[in-house]
Amino acid sequence: MMPWRNGVLACLLGAMFSGLCAQQPAADSTSKRAASQAKTSSNVVNQVAVQSNGLPVPFATVFNINTGQAAVANAEGIAAVPVWGVNDTLRIQSMGYETVTLVPGTMPLNLIELPQSMVEIEEVVVQSHAVAAGAMTRMSTASLDRMAVKMPVLTVETTGELLQGSGQVHLQMSQQGGVSPVLRGFEANRVLLVVDGVRMNNAIYRSGHLQNAGSVDPFAVSQTQVIMGPSSVLYGSDALGGVVHFVTRQPGFSPSGLEVDGKVLGQGSTVNGGWAGHGHVSVKAPKWGSLTSVSRRAFGELRMGTWRAHGDSTWGRVPWLVERIEGRDTLVANPNPNVQSPTGYDQWDVQQR
């Protein structure tokens, strides 16, 4: 009896274990199917267009407050938003637009409208005015009239000499066309140059000296204002060192009727073989005026003196010149070492007002 009972017990145990083993794969497959269905449902998204006045809002953010899920729109304003429930609340926001919150029951199908966020700033007017004559001393302003320059008008070849002759401005003139004023130790890239209220430069033109003032016709300048000290902040950060304001001749009016006048002048110099000529014609009427100004300046090679009191006979001499020969820079002997070459140039200045 015992062997028979043991055999039956073994059969029962084998059947039980075989059933459990057969049910385990079924349970695993069921759990995997459920997880796959859940994953598939979580990947379901809605394509939502975020617009403002009919134009797409790129990179807008759509945030589901209930689930914590978020989506960012692309450059065309299309956002792939996970499917939301009937009780979910969406928040849509983007820089420059008002934030929109959509509560349950107001969910759109495929379009979300964002109104623009208007930021109003009070008007700011920045102006620079010519300084009144009575306030020039208080504002550290020097007004340089042509008659106040300590040299005859006919000996002035450039606006730089006009400034230098006043004794108010230090000038760097590395050559004949070089006119770089220095105010309070600041070179011309920190000095604002202005012609009749129009800026000639700013602080980012270059580093170091700036020769733009040499392009101003000295015969057409009627007055030069040099503004130094803190008063130069009226013109902004470009006037860190100060302001040199060139005021040119203005066409006048004649209440009594038509009036025509003009002036012609010329000058020459032996140090550089240069010459200059200027002429202007002014037509005045009760209600209109006209001014035509033409100047021509020609400068030859700059020549230095032969007498050197310090005893160094070679100081400042230029024994060699650089010439372009067959596409190469070549040193050529200077026939006259006291002549700086090439330093000559011509300049035309024409003004019509």
Protein backbone atom coordinates (compact mmCIF):
# COMPACT_ATOMS: atom_id res chain seq x y z
CA MET A 1 0.00 0.00 0.00
CA MET A 2 2.72 2.43 0.73
CA PRO A 3 4.38 2.38 -2.72
CA TRP A 4 0.97 2.97 -4.35
CA ARG A 5 0.17 5.94 -2.14
CA ASN A 6 3.59 7.44 -2.78
CA GLY A 7 3.03 7.14 -6.54
CA VAL A 8 -0.38 8.88 -6.36
CA LEU A 9 1.08 11.70 -4.23
CA ALA A 10 3.90 12.18 -6.72
CA CYS A 11 1.41 12.37 -9.59
CA LEU A 12 -0.71 14.98 -7.76
CA LEU A 13 2.34 17.12 -6.95
CA GLY A 14 3.54 16.93 -10.57
CA ALA A 15 0.16 18.02 -11.88
CA MET A 16 0.04 20.99 -9.51
CA PHE A 17 3.51 22.19 -10.45
CA SER A 18 2.82 21.81 -14.17
CA GLY A 19 -0.32 23.97 -13.82
CA LEU A 20 1.56 26.70 -12.01
CA CYS A 21 4.29 26.71 -14.63
CA ALA A 22 1.69 26.89 -17.37
CA GLN A 23 -0.11 29.85 -15.71
CA GLN A 24 3.09 31.92 -15.12
CA PRO A 25 3.75 32.80 -18.80
CA ALA A 26 0.11 33.79 -19.21
CA ALA A 27 0.35 36.17 -16.26
CA ASP A 28 3.57 37.69 -17.59
CA SER A 29 2.07 38.24 -21.03
CA THR A 30 -1.01 39.88 -19.50
CA SER A 31 1.09 42.36 -17.48
CA LYS A 32 3.24 43.19 -20.50
CA ARG A 33 0.13 43.81 -22.61
CA ALA A 34 -1.30 46.15 -19.97
CA ALA A 35 1.97 48.07 -19.69
CA SER A 36 2.14 48.38 -23.47
CA GLN A 37 -1.42 49.71 -23.60
CA ALA A 38 -0.65 52.21 -20.83
CA LYS A 39 2.50 53.35 -22.62
CA THR A 40 0.61 53.70 -25.88
CA SER A 41 -2.11 55.79 -24.23
CA SER A 42 0.49 58.07 -22.60
CA ASN A 43 2.15 58.72 -25.99
CA VAL A 44 -1.07 59.94 -27.59
CA VAL A 45 -0.71 63.69 -28.26
CA ASN A 46 -2.73 66.49 -29.78
CA GLN A 47 -1.22 68.88 -32.33
CA VAL A 48 -2.14 72.33 -31.04
CA ALA A 49 -1.36 75.57 -32.89
CA VAL A 50 -0.47 78.57 -30.72
CA GLN A 51 -1.18 81.85 -32.52
CA SER A 52 -1.56 85.57 -31.91
CA ASN A 53 -3.64 87.64 -34.32
CA GLY A 54 -3.32 84.90 -36.92
CA LEU A 55 0.48 84.66 -36.64
CA PRO A 56 2.26 81.68 -35.05
CA VAL A 57 3.86 82.10 -31.63
CA PRO A 58 7.12 80.13 -31.78
CA PHE A 59 8.43 78.23 -28.77
CA ALA A 60 5.36 78.85 -26.60
CA THR A 61 5.04 76.59 -23.53
CA VAL A 62 1.88 74.53 -22.85
CA PHE A 63 1.78 73.23 -19.28
CA ASN A 64 -0.74 70.79 -17.79
CA ILE A 65 -1.15 71.88 -14.17
CA ASN A 66 -2.82 68.63 -13.07
CA THR A 67 -0.38 66.11 -14.57
CA GLY A 68 2.76 68.25 -14.63
CA GLN A 69 3.32 67.49 -18.32
CA ALA A 70 4.60 70.27 -20.58
CA ALA A 71 5.21 70.80 -24.28
CA VAL A 72 7.11 73.49 -26.20
CA ALA A 73 5.90 74.67 -29.58
CA ASN A 74 8.24 74.60 -32.57
CA ALA A 75 9.21 77.55 -34.76
CA GLU A 76 5.83 77.34 -36.53
CA GLY A 77 3.92 77.55 -33.24
CA ILE A 78 2.83 73.87 -33.29
CA ALA A 79 2.96 72.07 -29.92
CA ALA A 80 2.58 68.30 -29.43
CA VAL A 81 0.51 68.33 -26.23
CA PRO A 82 -0.25 65.04 -24.40
CA VAL A 83 -3.96 64.26 -24.26
CA TRP A 84 -5.54 66.02 -21.31
CA GLY A 85 -8.44 64.90 -19.20
CA VAL A 86 -11.79 66.61 -18.83
CA ASN A 87 -10.77 67.98 -15.43
CA ASP A 88 -7.28 69.17 -16.42
CA THR A 89 -6.21 72.80 -16.54
CA LEU A 90 -3.75 74.08 -19.16
CA ARG A 91 -1.49 77.12 -18.90
CA ILE A 92 0.02 78.61 -22.07
CA GLN A 93 2.73 81.27 -21.90
CA SER A 94 5.41 82.89 -24.03
CA MET A 95 7.67 85.90 -23.62
CA GLY A 96 5.99 89.02 -24.97
CA TYR A 97 2.49 87.56 -24.66
CA GLU A 98 -0.06 87.37 -21.89
CA THR A 99 -0.35 84.07 -20.00
CA VAL A 100 -3.57 82.19 -20.80
CA THR A 101 -5.10 79.62 -18.42
CA LEU A 102 -7.69 77.21 -19.83
CA VAL A 103 -9.95 75.70 -17.16
CA PRO A 104 -11.97 72.50 -17.65
CA GLY A 105 -14.78 73.02 -20.11
CA THR A 106 -12.93 75.62 -22.20
CA MET A 107 -10.37 73.37 -23.85
CA PRO A 108 -9.78 74.19 -27.55
CA LEU A 109 -9.65 71.55 -30.23
CA ASN A 110 -6.49 72.55 -32.08
CA LEU A 111 -5.96 76.32 -31.72
CA ILE A 112 -4.88 78.46 -28.78
CA GLU A 113 -4.91 82.26 -29.08
CA LEU A 114 -2.36 84.31 -27.09
CA PRO A 115 -2.89 88.08 -26.85
CA GLN A 116 0.22 90.24 -27.04
CA SER A 117 1.50 91.81 -23.84
CA MET A 118 1.76 95.55 -24.43
CA VAL A 119 4.48 97.37 -22.49
CA GLU A 120 4.20 101.14 -22.65
CA ILE A 121 7.27 103.26 -21.92
CA GLU A 122 7.10 106.97 -21.41
CA GLU A 123 8.65 109.04 -24.17
CA VAL A 124 12.28 110.01 -23.60
CA VAL A 125 13.65 112.90 -25.65
CA VAL A 126 17.42 113.40 -25.86
CA GLN A 127 18.51 116.71 -27.32
CA SER A 128 21.68 118.74 -27.54
CA HIS A 129 21.45 122.47 -27.95
CA ALA A 130 24.00 125.13 -28.70
CA VAL A 131 25.07 126.74 -25.46
CA ALA A 132 24.07 130.33 -24.94
CA ALA A 133 26.98 132.78 -24.90
CA GLY A 134 26.26 133.86 -21.33
CA ALA A 135 26.43 130.29 -20.01
CA MET A 136 29.67 129.22 -21.67
CA THR A 137 31.87 130.03 -18.70
CA ARG A 138 29.67 128.12 -16.27
CA MET A 139 29.64 125.11 -18.58
CA SER A 140 33.41 125.03 -19.21
CA THR A 141 32.82 125.97 -22.83
CA ALA A 142 35.28 127.91 -24.93
CA SER A 143 33.95 129.65 -28.03
CA LEU A 144 36.69 130.08 -30.61
CA ASP A 145 35.86 132.74 -33.15
CA ARG A 146 38.10 133.23 -36.16
CA MET A 147 38.95 136.72 -34.97
CA ALA A 148 39.96 135.36 -31.54
CA VAL A 149 42.61 133.05 -32.97
CA LYS A 150 46.12 134.34 -32.33
CA MET A 151 47.17 134.15 -35.99
CA PRO A 152 46.06 135.81 -39.21
CA VAL A 153 43.15 134.08 -40.90
CA LEU A 154 45.07 133.66 -44.14
CA THR A 155 47.76 131.56 -42.45
CA VAL A 156 45.25 128.92 -41.32
CA GLU A 157 45.44 125.94 -43.68
CA THR A 158 43.39 123.43 -41.66
CA THR A 159 40.85 123.47 -38.86
CA GLY A 160 43.57 121.96 -36.68
CA GLU A 161 45.65 125.12 -36.93
CA LEU A 162 42.53 127.11 -36.10
CA LEU A 163 42.15 125.12 -32.86
CA GLN A 164 45.84 125.09 -32.05
CA GLY A 165 46.20 128.83 -32.50
CA SER A 166 43.58 129.46 -29.82
CA GLY A 167 45.70 127.98 -27.06
CA GLN A 168 42.65 126.08 -25.75
CA VAL A 169 43.17 122.71 -27.45
CA HIS A 170 46.17 120.39 -27.72
CA LEU A 171 46.54 118.97 -31.21
CA GLN A 172 48.27 115.92 -32.64
CA MET A 173 49.39 116.55 -36.23
CA SER A 174 51.53 113.67 -37.46
CA GLN A 175 51.30 114.98 -41.04
CA GLN A 176 49.63 117.77 -42.99
CA GLY A 177 46.24 116.10 -43.10
CA GLY A 178 46.40 115.07 -39.46
CA VAL A 179 44.06 116.99 -37.18
CA SER A 180 43.42 115.11 -33.92
CA PRO A 181 42.32 117.32 -30.99
CA VAL A 182 43.10 116.19 -27.44
CA LEU A 183 40.87 117.40 -24.59
CA ARG A 184 41.63 116.70 -20.92
CA GLY A 185 44.09 113.99 -21.97
CA PHE A 186 41.51 112.16 -24.09
CA GLU A 187 42.41 111.49 -27.70
CA ALA A 188 40.03 112.14 -30.55
CA ASN A 189 38.35 108.74 -30.34
CA ARG A 190 36.98 109.93 -26.98
CA VAL A 191 36.30 113.46 -28.23
CA LEU A 192 33.07 114.03 -30.13
CA LEU A 193 33.44 116.00 -33.37
CA VAL A 194 30.28 117.80 -34.50
CA VAL A 195 29.58 119.93 -37.58
CA ASP A 196 26.41 122.03 -37.35
CA GLY A 197 24.92 119.52 -34.90
CA VAL A 198 25.80 116.45 -37.02
CA ARG A 199 28.20 113.95 -35.43
CA MET A 200 31.33 113.06 -37.38
CA ASN A 201 32.39 110.15 -35.15
CA ASN A 202 31.50 108.08 -32.11
CA ALA A 203 33.31 106.12 -29.41
CA ILE A 204 33.70 102.95 -31.50
CA TYR A 205 35.29 104.49 -34.60
CA ARG A 206 38.80 103.37 -33.68
CA SER A 207 41.30 103.30 -30.82
CA GLY A 208 43.63 106.27 -30.62
CA HIS A 209 43.77 109.45 -32.62
CA LEU A 210 41.11 110.32 -35.17
CA GLN A 211 41.82 112.71 -38.04
CA ASN A 212 38.25 113.44 -39.18
CA ALA A 213 38.47 117.09 -38.16
CA GLY A 214 40.89 117.64 -41.04
CA SER A 215 38.04 117.16 -43.52
CA VAL A 216 36.27 120.33 -42.31
CA ASP A 217 36.86 123.40 -44.49
CA PRO A 218 38.49 126.05 -42.26
CA PHE A 219 37.35 128.85 -44.59
CA ALA A 220 33.70 127.81 -44.17
CA VAL A 221 33.85 127.73 -40.36
CA SER A 222 32.45 130.82 -38.66
CA GLN A 223 32.77 129.62 -35.05
CA THR A 224 34.09 126.64 -33.10
CA GLN A 225 32.72 125.63 -29.71
CA VAL A 226 34.91 123.50 -27.46
CA ILE A 227 32.88 121.95 -24.64
CA MET A 228 34.90 120.42 -21.81
CA GLY A 229 34.15 119.02 -18.39
CA PRO A 230 30.91 117.40 -17.17
CA SER A 231 28.80 119.59 -19.45
CA SER A 232 29.78 117.34 -22.35
CA VAL A 233 27.39 114.65 -21.03
CA LEU A 234 24.68 116.52 -22.93
CA TYR A 235 25.99 114.72 -26.00
CA GLY A 236 26.22 111.22 -24.45
CA SER A 237 29.05 108.80 -23.77
CA ASP A 238 30.76 109.58 -27.09
CA ALA A 239 31.81 112.92 -25.58
CA LEU A 240 33.84 111.46 -22.72
CA GLY A 241 36.71 113.89 -23.23
CA GLY A 242 34.68 116.76 -24.59
CA VAL A 243 33.06 118.14 -27.73
CA VAL A 244 34.49 120.14 -30.62
CA HIS A 245 31.56 121.73 -32.43
CA PHE A 246 32.27 123.41 -35.76
CA VAL A 247 29.66 125.98 -36.80
CA THR A 248 29.80 126.84 -40.50
CA ARG A 249 28.62 129.97 -42.28
CA GLN A 250 24.86 130.37 -42.38
CA PRO A 251 22.79 131.91 -45.20
CA GLY A 252 21.17 135.09 -43.98
CA PHE A 253 18.03 137.05 -44.80
CA SER A 254 17.53 140.58 -46.06
CA PRO A 255 14.28 142.24 -44.93
CA SER A 256 14.83 145.17 -47.28
CA GLY A 257 15.03 143.08 -50.46
CA LEU A 258 17.38 140.98 -52.54
CA GLU A 259 21.02 141.27 -51.51
CA VAL A 260 24.07 139.51 -52.95
CA ASP A 261 27.55 139.47 -51.48
CA GLY A 262 30.60 137.25 -51.56
CA LYS A 263 34.27 136.89 -50.80
CA VAL A 264 37.30 135.45 -52.53
CA LEU A 265 40.65 134.75 -50.89
CA GLY A 266 43.82 132.83 -51.56
CA GLN A 267 47.01 131.91 -49.76
CA GLY A 268 50.28 130.13 -50.34
CA SER A 269 53.09 128.65 -48.29
CA THR A 270 56.72 127.97 -49.14
CA VAL A 271 57.39 125.32 -46.49
CA ASN A 272 55.37 122.75 -48.41
CA GLY A 273 54.72 124.44 -51.73
CA GLY A 274 51.04 124.52 -50.86
CA TRP A 275 48.29 126.89 -51.83
CA ALA A 276 44.62 127.38 -51.05
CA GLY A 277 41.77 129.25 -52.61
CA HIS A 278 38.28 129.96 -51.32
CA GLY A 279 35.21 131.74 -52.54
CA HIS A 280 31.63 131.99 -51.37
CA VAL A 281 28.52 133.75 -52.61
CA SER A 282 25.57 134.61 -50.38
CA VAL A 283 22.14 135.52 -51.74
CA LYS A 284 19.71 137.01 -49.24
CA ALA A 285 16.00 137.67 -49.59
CA PRO A 286 13.20 138.47 -47.11
CA LYS A 287 12.00 134.85 -46.92
CA TRP A 288 14.88 132.75 -48.18
CA GLY A 289 18.63 132.70 -48.33
CA SER A 290 21.34 130.74 -50.12
CA LEU A 291 25.05 130.24 -49.51
CA THR A 292 27.49 128.57 -51.90
CA SER A 293 31.02 127.93 -50.67
CA VAL A 294 33.89 126.33 -52.62
CA SER A 295 37.44 125.77 -51.37
CA ARG A 296 40.47 124.07 -52.90
CA ARG A 297 43.57 123.22 -50.90
CA ALA A 298 46.72 121.66 -52.35
CA PHE A 299 49.69 120.70 -50.22
CA GLY A 300 53.10 119.73 -51.52
CA GLU A 301 55.70 117.62 -49.75
CA LEU A 302 56.43 118.82 -46.23
CA ARG A 303 59.94 120.23 -45.87
CA MET A 304 61.82 120.59 -42.59
CA GLY A 305 64.54 123.09 -41.78
CA THR A 306 68.25 122.35 -42.12
CA TRP A 307 69.30 124.07 -38.90
CA ARG A 308 69.17 121.78 -35.85
CA ALA A 309 70.13 123.62 -32.69
CA HIS A 310 70.43 120.44 -30.61
CA GLY A 311 73.48 119.32 -32.59
CA ASP A 312 72.09 116.09 -34.06
CA SER A 313 72.39 116.65 -37.80
CA THR A 314 70.52 113.42 -38.67
CA TRP A 315 67.48 114.04 -36.49
CA GLY A 316 64.24 113.99 -38.48
CA ARG A 317 65.92 113.28 -41.80
CA VAL A 318 64.32 110.80 -44.20
CA PRO A 319 67.19 109.14 -46.12
CA TRP A 320 65.03 106.45 -47.76
CA LEU A 321 61.68 106.32 -49.50
CA VAL A 322 59.50 103.28 -50.10
CA GLU A 323 58.27 102.84 -53.66
CA ARG A 324 56.25 100.06 -55.27
CA ILE A 325 58.35 98.57 -58.07
CA GLU A 326 57.13 95.50 -59.98
CA GLY A 327 54.71 94.64 -57.20
CA ARG A 328 57.29 94.84 -54.42
CA ASP A 329 58.13 97.49 -51.82
CA THR A 330 61.58 98.84 -52.63
CA LEU A 331 63.82 101.27 -50.73
CA VAL A 332 64.88 104.22 -52.87
CA ALA A 333 67.31 106.92 -51.80
CA ASN A 334 65.62 110.22 -50.99
CA PRO A 335 67.24 112.94 -53.09
CA ASN A 336 66.50 115.48 -50.34
CA PRO A 337 66.41 113.87 -46.85
CA ASN A 338 64.84 117.04 -45.42
CA VAL A 339 61.67 116.43 -47.46
CA GLN A 340 59.05 114.09 -46.01
CA SER A 341 57.48 112.11 -48.81
CA PRO A 342 54.75 111.31 -49.57
CA THR A 343 52.92 113.92 -47.48
CA GLY A 344 51.29 116.07 -50.16
CA TYR A 345 47.60 115.86 -51.01
CA ASP A 346 44.74 117.85 -52.57
CA GLN A 347 41.32 118.55 -51.09
CA TRP A 348 38.10 120.07 -52.40
CA ASP A 349 35.40 121.39 -50.06
CA VAL A 350 31.97 122.35 -51.43
CA GLN A 351 29.03 123.54 -49.36
CA GLN A 352 25.56 124.57 -50.48
CA ARG A 353 22.95 125.79 -48.02
